[in-house]
Amino acid sequence: MMVATLEQELQSRGPTGLSAAYDPLWERRSTIFWLVLAAFAVRLAFLFFLQTYRPGRVDDFAIASETTNVASSIARGHGFSSPLNGDPTGPTAWVPPGYAYFVALVFRIFGVMTQSSIIFIFVVQSLFSALTVLPILGIARHSVGMRAGLWSAWVWALFPWFIKWSVTWLWDTSLSALLLSLLVWYVLRLPEASSRRSWIGFGALWGLTLLVNPTLATFLVVSLAWSGYELHRNKKEWLKPILSSVLVCVVVISPWLLRNRAVFGQWVFIRSDFGYGFALGNYHYSLGRGWGGTDPTGNQKEFHKYWQLGEIAYVRSRQEQAFQFVRQYPKEFIVLTAKRVSYFWDGSSIDYRAPIPWYWMPSSYGVLSFLLLPALLVAHRGRLHAWSVFFGGFLLYPLPYYLTFTESRYRHAIEPLMVLLISYAGVKATCAVRIALRR
């Protein structure tokens, strides 16, 4: 009887156990301002106190990455080209254009890979990371509730694990987390929107996001499916709004697709390297982690092959090698894929890399994944609004990494959603305990 009464009281209080009279802090704009400011200040403190911009403190792989190589080529007037080792190898689609052009602009102003340019990029990345607080609170308002949203926002603002990517990696990692969070916030509001402009804006935001990180396209399926279902459930027109968003998205990315068609003589979708990544993690006796010994950046024989064949032909040849492996050793491929599922969530890829003293609290990686499982169950049992959006994102987003290889930074894009669900479960548990104690 007591359990039934407790359950009824929790349901009457909404998803976070709060009464209807509760005044959400979302309405206090000063709270949001201080949250964002605190998040930004903490990231700048990490940047300048630990001096993560100095050589040896930035991840060596990140500072000499394909993105910085292409950006250097653009800044020097050689166009979008030469992604490997800084050597001239011609036009490329190895990386998406969005973030590479931003880095190139910084290099043109502050110099290529100077300390000033690295500091500026890290400051901007810190701003991206701090601004992620806004969609975290926006998502909370439409799903988990504002108490869980505030918990999530403060954890995101202050916890070192979520800070480090913005001040140690010259990559789109922080921007991808911000963009995906914005898209989730947007999609939760879409069924309420009646204007065509809202759906056009959704498609435009998706187009810009894909130009930064095309891997996020896996969530595009989730967002469109959920939006269409909600419109259909509420007996509203769903096909035309969905098609308009898709059309606008295609229009936004089409200049880059046309560029690739003109440069390579064939259609290439945003980036060209999936076949290479598939081969990097799939070969006989592989560990499934993406061995750098077959990477053109560290293997002169492979680099010469890349230079001789050209990018498209080289990627195709590596892809054929990987497909041959799958045909010849299908059971081994299944085992490797299962291992990569574990690698994505357990954080063991951190230990696989050379030790970097700035990877704070690596054990928290696996803890967050472990806490996500009960949080998903609590959200499902509590009939959380848009639970399927969260679950679909966690289910589909990692698929490309399950097939190729994974690194710890790849999970960062969905970590705002993880923190929201874990905070939601924490709030539900806290409210249940308080109500039980009062009885």
Protein backbone atom coordinates (compact mmCIF):
# COMPACT_ATOMS: atom_id res chain seq x y z
CA MET A 1 0.00 0.00 0.00
CA MET A 2 2.81 2.36 0.91
CA VAL A 3 4.66 1.61 -2.36
CA ALA A 4 1.53 2.29 -4.40
CA THR A 5 0.94 5.58 -2.58
CA LEU A 6 4.57 6.58 -3.08
CA GLU A 7 4.35 5.86 -6.80
CA GLN A 8 1.16 7.91 -7.11
CA GLU A 9 2.72 10.86 -5.32
CA LEU A 10 5.81 10.79 -7.51
CA GLN A 11 3.69 10.68 -10.65
CA SER A 12 1.56 13.56 -9.43
CA ARG A 13 4.70 15.62 -8.99
CA GLY A 14 5.89 15.09 -12.52
CA PRO A 15 9.10 13.56 -13.91
CA THR A 16 11.36 15.06 -11.26
CA GLY A 17 9.12 14.78 -8.24
CA LEU A 18 8.47 18.55 -8.13
CA SER A 19 5.15 20.13 -7.37
CA ALA A 20 3.37 22.28 -9.92
CA ALA A 21 4.02 25.31 -7.73
CA TYR A 22 7.77 24.93 -8.14
CA ASP A 23 9.23 27.99 -9.88
CA PRO A 24 11.82 26.61 -12.35
CA LEU A 25 15.16 28.37 -12.22
CA TRP A 26 15.09 28.36 -16.02
CA GLU A 27 13.00 31.52 -15.71
CA ARG A 28 15.83 33.25 -13.81
CA ARG A 29 18.11 34.31 -16.58
CA SER A 30 20.83 35.32 -14.17
CA THR A 31 21.17 31.66 -13.11
CA ILE A 32 21.75 30.60 -16.70
CA PHE A 33 24.24 33.43 -17.21
CA TRP A 34 26.26 32.42 -14.15
CA LEU A 35 26.20 28.77 -15.18
CA VAL A 36 27.64 29.53 -18.61
CA LEU A 37 30.14 32.00 -17.15
CA ALA A 38 31.28 29.49 -14.52
CA ALA A 39 31.70 26.77 -17.15
CA PHE A 40 33.74 29.09 -19.37
CA ALA A 41 35.87 30.38 -16.49
CA VAL A 42 36.71 26.86 -15.27
CA ARG A 43 37.81 25.85 -18.77
CA LEU A 44 40.00 28.91 -19.11
CA ALA A 45 41.49 28.16 -15.70
CA PHE A 46 42.42 24.66 -16.87
CA LEU A 47 43.83 26.07 -20.09
CA PHE A 48 46.10 28.70 -18.54
CA PHE A 49 46.89 27.18 -15.15
CA LEU A 50 47.88 23.81 -16.65
CA GLN A 51 49.22 25.47 -19.81
CA THR A 52 47.70 22.79 -21.99
CA TYR A 53 48.56 24.84 -25.09
CA ARG A 54 52.29 24.16 -24.67
CA PRO A 55 54.08 21.46 -26.70
CA GLY A 56 53.92 18.12 -24.92
CA ARG A 57 50.70 19.09 -23.14
CA VAL A 58 48.46 19.06 -26.18
CA ASP A 59 47.73 15.55 -27.37
CA ASP A 60 50.41 14.88 -30.00
CA PHE A 61 47.94 13.17 -32.30
CA ALA A 62 45.51 16.07 -32.11
CA ILE A 63 48.11 18.74 -32.78
CA ALA A 64 49.36 17.00 -35.94
CA SER A 65 46.01 15.74 -37.13
CA GLU A 66 44.35 15.61 -40.51
CA THR A 67 42.28 18.67 -39.54
CA THR A 68 45.30 20.82 -38.71
CA ASN A 69 47.15 19.58 -41.80
CA VAL A 70 44.26 20.56 -44.09
CA ALA A 71 43.81 23.87 -42.25
CA SER A 72 47.51 24.60 -42.70
CA SER A 73 47.19 23.90 -46.42
CA ILE A 74 44.22 26.28 -46.72
CA ALA A 75 45.98 28.99 -44.69
CA ARG A 76 49.04 28.77 -46.96
CA GLY A 77 46.91 29.17 -50.08
CA HIS A 78 46.99 25.55 -51.29
CA GLY A 79 43.30 24.85 -50.85
CA PHE A 80 41.51 22.01 -49.11
CA SER A 81 44.24 19.42 -49.54
CA SER A 82 47.12 17.40 -48.08
CA PRO A 83 45.66 15.80 -44.92
CA LEU A 84 48.59 13.49 -44.12
CA ASN A 85 51.96 14.47 -42.63
CA GLY A 86 51.75 17.97 -44.07
CA ASP A 87 53.12 16.72 -47.39
CA PRO A 88 51.41 17.98 -50.58
CA THR A 89 49.18 15.19 -51.87
CA GLY A 90 46.44 17.07 -53.68
CA PRO A 91 42.75 17.75 -52.98
CA THR A 92 41.09 15.83 -50.20
CA ALA A 93 37.78 14.99 -48.55
CA TRP A 94 39.49 13.05 -45.76
CA VAL A 95 37.94 15.38 -43.16
CA PRO A 96 34.68 17.37 -43.27
CA PRO A 97 35.04 21.04 -44.18
CA GLY A 98 33.25 22.81 -41.33
CA TYR A 99 35.84 22.77 -38.57
CA ALA A 100 38.86 22.66 -40.88
CA TYR A 101 37.92 26.03 -42.40
CA PHE A 102 37.48 27.55 -38.93
CA VAL A 103 40.97 26.39 -37.93
CA ALA A 104 42.34 27.66 -41.25
CA LEU A 105 40.89 31.12 -40.57
CA VAL A 106 42.58 31.18 -37.16
CA PHE A 107 45.87 30.11 -38.77
CA ARG A 108 45.60 32.92 -41.33
CA ILE A 109 45.17 35.49 -38.55
CA PHE A 110 47.50 34.17 -35.81
CA GLY A 111 49.91 32.00 -37.80
CA VAL A 112 50.05 28.30 -38.56
CA MET A 113 50.32 26.24 -35.36
CA THR A 114 51.68 29.17 -33.34
CA GLN A 115 51.06 29.35 -29.61
CA SER A 116 48.68 32.26 -30.19
CA SER A 117 46.58 30.29 -32.69
CA ILE A 118 46.41 27.24 -30.41
CA ILE A 119 45.35 29.38 -27.44
CA PHE A 120 42.68 31.12 -29.50
CA ILE A 121 41.24 27.83 -30.76
CA PHE A 122 41.18 26.41 -27.23
CA VAL A 123 39.40 29.53 -25.95
CA VAL A 124 36.75 29.19 -28.68
CA GLN A 125 36.40 25.47 -27.97
CA SER A 126 35.98 26.30 -24.28
CA LEU A 127 33.19 28.68 -25.25
CA PHE A 128 31.51 25.94 -27.30
CA SER A 129 31.72 23.61 -24.32
CA ALA A 130 30.41 26.24 -21.89
CA LEU A 131 27.49 27.13 -24.17
CA THR A 132 26.42 23.48 -24.14
CA VAL A 133 24.87 24.34 -20.78
CA LEU A 134 22.07 26.13 -22.69
CA PRO A 135 20.76 23.14 -24.67
CA ILE A 136 21.23 20.93 -21.60
CA LEU A 137 18.76 23.15 -19.75
CA GLY A 138 16.53 23.39 -22.81
CA ILE A 139 16.35 19.61 -23.18
CA ALA A 140 15.65 19.30 -19.46
CA ARG A 141 12.72 21.67 -19.69
CA HIS A 142 11.09 19.44 -22.31
CA SER A 143 11.98 16.08 -20.77
CA VAL A 144 13.73 15.35 -17.46
CA GLY A 145 12.65 18.50 -15.61
CA MET A 146 14.57 21.53 -14.42
CA ARG A 147 15.95 20.09 -11.19
CA ALA A 148 17.71 17.33 -13.13
CA GLY A 149 18.64 19.93 -15.73
CA LEU A 150 20.39 22.08 -13.14
CA TRP A 151 22.21 19.08 -11.72
CA SER A 152 23.35 18.22 -15.24
CA ALA A 153 24.38 21.77 -16.06
CA TRP A 154 26.55 22.11 -12.96
CA VAL A 155 28.16 18.71 -13.51
CA TRP A 156 28.87 19.66 -17.11
CA ALA A 157 30.26 23.02 -16.06
CA LEU A 158 32.62 21.77 -13.35
CA PHE A 159 33.51 18.11 -13.86
CA PRO A 160 37.03 17.78 -15.34
CA TRP A 161 36.14 14.93 -17.70
CA PHE A 162 33.87 17.23 -19.72
CA ILE A 163 36.39 20.07 -19.66
CA LYS A 164 39.48 18.38 -21.01
CA TRP A 165 38.43 17.96 -24.64
CA SER A 166 38.08 21.71 -25.15
CA VAL A 167 41.61 22.47 -23.90
CA THR A 168 43.69 19.51 -25.15
CA TRP A 169 42.37 18.66 -28.62
CA LEU A 170 42.36 20.78 -31.78
CA TRP A 171 39.29 18.99 -33.07
CA ASP A 172 35.54 19.40 -33.47
CA THR A 173 34.85 17.37 -30.30
CA SER A 174 33.40 20.21 -28.19
CA LEU A 175 31.52 21.72 -31.12
CA SER A 176 29.97 18.33 -31.98
CA ALA A 177 28.64 17.98 -28.42
CA LEU A 178 27.13 21.47 -28.63
CA LEU A 179 25.55 20.85 -32.05
CA LEU A 180 24.03 17.50 -31.12
CA SER A 181 22.61 18.96 -27.91
CA LEU A 182 21.12 21.86 -29.86
CA LEU A 183 19.54 19.41 -32.30
CA VAL A 184 18.00 17.36 -29.50
CA TRP A 185 16.61 20.53 -27.93
CA TYR A 186 15.30 21.60 -31.33
CA VAL A 187 13.66 18.26 -32.08
CA LEU A 188 11.87 18.21 -28.72
CA ARG A 189 10.26 21.52 -29.62
CA LEU A 190 9.42 20.66 -33.23
CA PRO A 191 6.10 18.86 -32.68
CA GLU A 192 4.83 22.01 -30.95
CA ALA A 193 5.94 24.23 -33.84
CA SER A 194 3.39 24.97 -36.53
CA SER A 195 5.43 27.21 -38.81
CA ARG A 196 7.28 26.02 -41.87
CA ARG A 197 10.17 28.23 -40.81
CA SER A 198 10.84 25.96 -37.81
CA TRP A 199 11.25 22.92 -40.03
CA ILE A 200 13.42 24.82 -42.49
CA GLY A 201 15.63 25.94 -39.61
CA PHE A 202 15.86 22.35 -38.41
CA GLY A 203 17.06 21.20 -41.82
CA ALA A 204 19.58 24.04 -42.04
CA LEU A 205 21.00 23.23 -38.61
CA TRP A 206 21.31 19.59 -39.62
CA GLY A 207 23.15 20.57 -42.80
CA LEU A 208 25.66 22.69 -40.88
CA THR A 209 26.11 19.90 -38.33
CA LEU A 210 26.88 17.30 -40.99
CA LEU A 211 29.51 19.59 -42.50
CA VAL A 212 31.21 19.61 -39.09
CA ASN A 213 30.72 15.94 -38.14
CA PRO A 214 28.90 13.63 -40.60
CA THR A 215 28.95 10.79 -38.06
CA LEU A 216 26.10 12.58 -36.30
CA ALA A 217 23.89 11.63 -39.26
CA THR A 218 22.97 8.51 -37.31
CA PHE A 219 20.95 10.75 -34.99
CA LEU A 220 19.23 12.36 -37.98
CA VAL A 221 17.27 9.13 -38.41
CA VAL A 222 16.18 9.23 -34.76
CA SER A 223 15.16 12.88 -34.85
CA LEU A 224 13.10 12.61 -38.03
CA ALA A 225 11.42 9.37 -36.96
CA TRP A 226 10.43 10.75 -33.55
CA SER A 227 9.20 14.06 -34.97
CA GLY A 228 7.15 12.31 -37.63
CA TYR A 229 5.63 9.94 -35.10
CA GLU A 230 4.70 12.76 -32.71
CA LEU A 231 3.03 14.73 -35.49
CA HIS A 232 1.16 11.64 -36.68
CA ARG A 233 0.11 10.78 -33.12
CA ASN A 234 -1.33 14.27 -32.69
CA LYS A 235 -3.11 13.96 -36.06
CA LYS A 236 -1.01 16.62 -37.76
CA GLU A 237 0.57 16.66 -41.20
CA TRP A 238 3.96 14.98 -40.87
CA LEU A 239 5.27 14.12 -44.33
CA LYS A 240 5.64 17.63 -45.75
CA PRO A 241 7.48 19.06 -42.70
CA ILE A 242 9.87 16.11 -42.65
CA LEU A 243 10.55 16.37 -46.39
CA SER A 244 11.11 20.12 -46.17
CA SER A 245 13.75 19.62 -43.45
CA VAL A 246 15.49 16.92 -45.47
CA LEU A 247 15.44 19.10 -48.60
CA VAL A 248 16.94 22.08 -46.80
CA CYS A 249 19.62 19.85 -45.27
CA VAL A 250 20.55 18.57 -48.73
CA VAL A 251 20.68 22.12 -50.08
CA VAL A 252 23.07 23.19 -47.29
CA ILE A 253 25.53 20.33 -47.88
CA SER A 254 25.20 20.29 -51.68
CA PRO A 255 27.98 22.84 -52.43
CA TRP A 256 30.46 20.54 -50.72
CA LEU A 257 29.11 17.49 -52.53
CA LEU A 258 29.38 19.32 -55.86
CA ARG A 259 32.93 20.34 -54.99
CA ASN A 260 33.83 16.71 -54.35
CA ARG A 261 32.19 15.67 -57.62
CA ALA A 262 34.18 18.26 -59.54
CA VAL A 263 37.48 17.46 -57.80
CA PHE A 264 37.34 13.66 -57.74
CA GLY A 265 35.18 13.01 -60.80
CA GLN A 266 32.68 11.03 -58.72
CA TRP A 267 30.24 11.57 -55.88
CA VAL A 268 31.78 11.55 -52.39
CA PHE A 269 29.53 12.13 -49.39
CA ILE A 270 31.14 14.87 -47.24
CA ARG A 271 34.21 12.81 -46.25
CA SER A 272 35.97 10.02 -48.08
CA ASP A 273 37.77 7.98 -45.44
CA PHE A 274 35.20 5.47 -44.15
CA GLY A 275 36.75 2.59 -46.10
CA TYR A 276 40.15 3.44 -44.67
CA GLY A 277 38.74 3.55 -41.12
CA PHE A 278 36.98 0.23 -41.69
CA ALA A 279 40.28 -1.35 -42.74
CA LEU A 280 42.16 0.19 -39.81
CA GLY A 281 40.11 -1.81 -37.33
CA ASN A 282 39.40 -4.98 -39.32
CA TYR A 283 42.16 -7.34 -40.36
CA HIS A 284 43.30 -10.82 -39.33
CA TYR A 285 44.51 -10.94 -35.70
CA SER A 286 43.46 -7.36 -35.13
CA LEU A 287 42.63 -6.05 -31.66
CA GLY A 288 39.86 -3.98 -33.21
CA ARG A 289 41.34 -0.71 -31.97
CA GLY A 290 42.74 0.78 -35.17
CA TRP A 291 46.43 -0.03 -35.29
CA GLY A 292 48.53 2.96 -36.33
CA GLY A 293 51.10 0.76 -38.04
CA THR A 294 48.90 0.61 -41.13
CA ASP A 295 48.14 4.34 -41.02
CA PRO A 296 49.70 6.45 -43.84
CA THR A 297 50.65 9.08 -41.27
CA GLY A 298 53.04 6.66 -39.57
CA ASN A 299 53.84 4.15 -42.31
CA GLN A 300 55.88 5.46 -45.21
CA LYS A 301 54.93 2.53 -47.42
CA GLU A 302 51.25 3.24 -46.91
CA PHE A 303 51.81 6.95 -47.41
CA HIS A 304 53.58 6.33 -50.71
CA LYS A 305 50.68 4.12 -51.77
CA TYR A 306 48.23 6.89 -50.87
CA TRP A 307 50.28 9.44 -52.82
CA GLN A 308 50.65 7.15 -55.83
CA LEU A 309 47.04 5.95 -56.11
CA GLY A 310 45.30 9.12 -55.02
CA GLU A 311 42.90 9.42 -52.13
CA ILE A 312 39.79 7.81 -53.60
CA ALA A 313 41.59 4.84 -55.13
CA TYR A 314 43.65 4.33 -51.97
CA VAL A 315 40.57 4.31 -49.73
CA ARG A 316 38.86 1.91 -52.12
CA SER A 317 41.81 -0.48 -52.03
CA ARG A 318 41.90 -0.45 -48.21
CA GLN A 319 38.16 -1.02 -48.11
CA GLU A 320 38.45 -4.03 -50.41
CA GLN A 321 41.11 -5.49 -48.11
CA ALA A 322 38.76 -5.10 -45.14
CA PHE A 323 35.79 -6.57 -47.03
CA GLN A 324 37.95 -9.54 -48.02
CA PHE A 325 38.80 -10.05 -44.35
CA VAL A 326 35.08 -9.98 -43.41
CA ARG A 327 34.25 -12.54 -46.11
CA GLN A 328 37.13 -14.79 -45.11
CA TYR A 329 36.81 -14.46 -41.32
CA PRO A 330 33.19 -13.51 -40.53
CA LYS A 331 33.32 -14.87 -36.97
CA GLU A 332 36.45 -12.87 -36.20
CA PHE A 333 34.76 -9.73 -37.54
CA ILE A 334 31.79 -10.34 -35.24
CA VAL A 335 34.12 -10.78 -32.26
CA LEU A 336 36.00 -7.57 -33.13
CA THR A 337 32.73 -5.68 -33.43
CA ALA A 338 31.66 -6.94 -30.01
CA LYS A 339 34.99 -5.82 -28.57
CA ARG A 340 34.53 -2.35 -30.06
CA VAL A 341 31.12 -2.09 -28.43
CA SER A 342 32.88 -2.68 -25.12
CA TYR A 343 35.73 -0.28 -26.00
CA PHE A 344 33.27 2.52 -26.77
CA TRP A 345 31.64 2.33 -23.35
CA ASP A 346 34.33 1.06 -20.95
CA GLY A 347 37.02 3.68 -21.62
CA SER A 348 39.81 1.16 -22.15
CA SER A 349 40.90 3.13 -25.22
CA ILE A 350 42.35 5.70 -22.81
CA ASP A 351 44.82 3.18 -21.44
CA TYR A 352 45.61 1.92 -24.95
CA ARG A 353 47.11 5.29 -25.89
CA ALA A 354 50.41 6.63 -24.56
CA PRO A 355 49.92 8.14 -21.07
CA ILE A 356 48.96 11.81 -21.13
CA PRO A 357 48.93 13.50 -17.71
CA TRP A 358 46.08 15.77 -18.67
CA TYR A 359 43.49 12.98 -19.09
CA TRP A 360 41.91 13.62 -15.72
CA MET A 361 40.01 10.89 -13.90
CA PRO A 362 39.91 8.24 -16.67
CA SER A 363 37.97 5.89 -14.38
CA SER A 364 34.98 8.24 -14.60
CA TYR A 365 34.52 7.17 -18.23
CA GLY A 366 33.39 3.65 -17.34
CA VAL A 367 31.43 4.85 -14.30
CA LEU A 368 29.28 7.13 -16.47
CA SER A 369 28.55 4.26 -18.85
CA PHE A 370 27.64 1.99 -15.96
CA LEU A 371 25.27 4.57 -14.45
CA LEU A 372 23.57 5.06 -17.82
CA LEU A 373 22.03 1.57 -17.75
CA PRO A 374 19.90 2.01 -14.60
CA ALA A 375 19.14 5.60 -15.69
CA LEU A 376 17.65 4.30 -18.93
CA LEU A 377 15.53 1.81 -17.00
CA VAL A 378 14.31 4.49 -14.58
CA ALA A 379 13.45 6.81 -17.48
CA HIS A 380 11.58 4.06 -19.30
CA ARG A 381 9.65 3.01 -16.20
CA GLY A 382 8.83 6.66 -15.46
CA ARG A 383 7.56 7.10 -19.03
CA LEU A 384 9.92 9.99 -19.58
CA HIS A 385 8.83 12.23 -22.43
CA ALA A 386 11.03 11.62 -25.49
CA TRP A 387 12.68 8.60 -23.87
CA SER A 388 12.95 7.08 -27.34
CA VAL A 389 15.02 10.07 -28.53
CA PHE A 390 17.58 9.43 -25.81
CA PHE A 391 17.56 5.68 -26.32
CA GLY A 392 17.71 5.96 -30.13
CA GLY A 393 20.69 8.30 -29.89
CA PHE A 394 22.59 5.96 -27.58
CA LEU A 395 21.71 2.99 -29.80
CA LEU A 396 22.54 4.42 -33.25
CA TYR A 397 25.20 7.08 -32.71
CA PRO A 398 28.07 4.65 -31.93
CA LEU A 399 27.35 2.30 -34.88
CA PRO A 400 30.12 3.69 -37.17
CA TYR A 401 32.63 3.27 -34.34
CA TYR A 402 31.48 -0.28 -33.64
CA LEU A 403 32.30 -1.11 -37.27
CA THR A 404 35.63 0.74 -37.54
CA PHE A 405 37.48 1.68 -34.34
CA THR A 406 36.83 3.92 -31.37
CA GLU A 407 38.59 6.47 -29.19
CA SER A 408 37.48 7.94 -25.89
CA ARG A 409 36.70 11.33 -27.39
CA TYR A 410 34.08 9.88 -29.74
CA ARG A 411 31.58 9.45 -26.89
CA HIS A 412 31.73 13.12 -25.94
CA ALA A 413 29.00 14.13 -28.41
CA ILE A 414 26.35 12.16 -26.49
CA GLU A 415 27.70 12.83 -23.00
CA PRO A 416 25.33 15.77 -22.38
CA LEU A 417 22.43 13.34 -22.92
CA MET A 418 24.06 10.80 -20.64
CA VAL A 419 24.45 13.35 -17.84
CA LEU A 420 20.82 14.42 -18.23
CA LEU A 421 19.47 10.88 -17.87
CA ILE A 422 21.77 10.03 -14.97
CA SER A 423 20.74 13.24 -13.19
CA TYR A 424 17.09 12.42 -13.84
CA ALA A 425 17.52 9.01 -12.20
CA GLY A 426 19.34 10.67 -9.30
CA VAL A 427 16.54 13.18 -8.77
CA LYS A 428 13.89 10.44 -8.90
CA ALA A 429 15.82 8.38 -6.36
CA THR A 430 16.35 11.37 -4.06
CA CYS A 431 12.67 12.34 -4.16
CA ALA A 432 11.61 8.73 -3.48
CA VAL A 433 13.90 8.54 -0.45
CA ARG A 434 12.65 11.85 0.95
CA ILE A 435 9.01 10.88 0.56
CA ALA A 436 9.66 7.48 2.14
CA LEU A 437 11.44 9.09 5.12
CA ARG A 438 8.58 11.50 5.68
CA ARG A 439 6.26 8.51 6.05
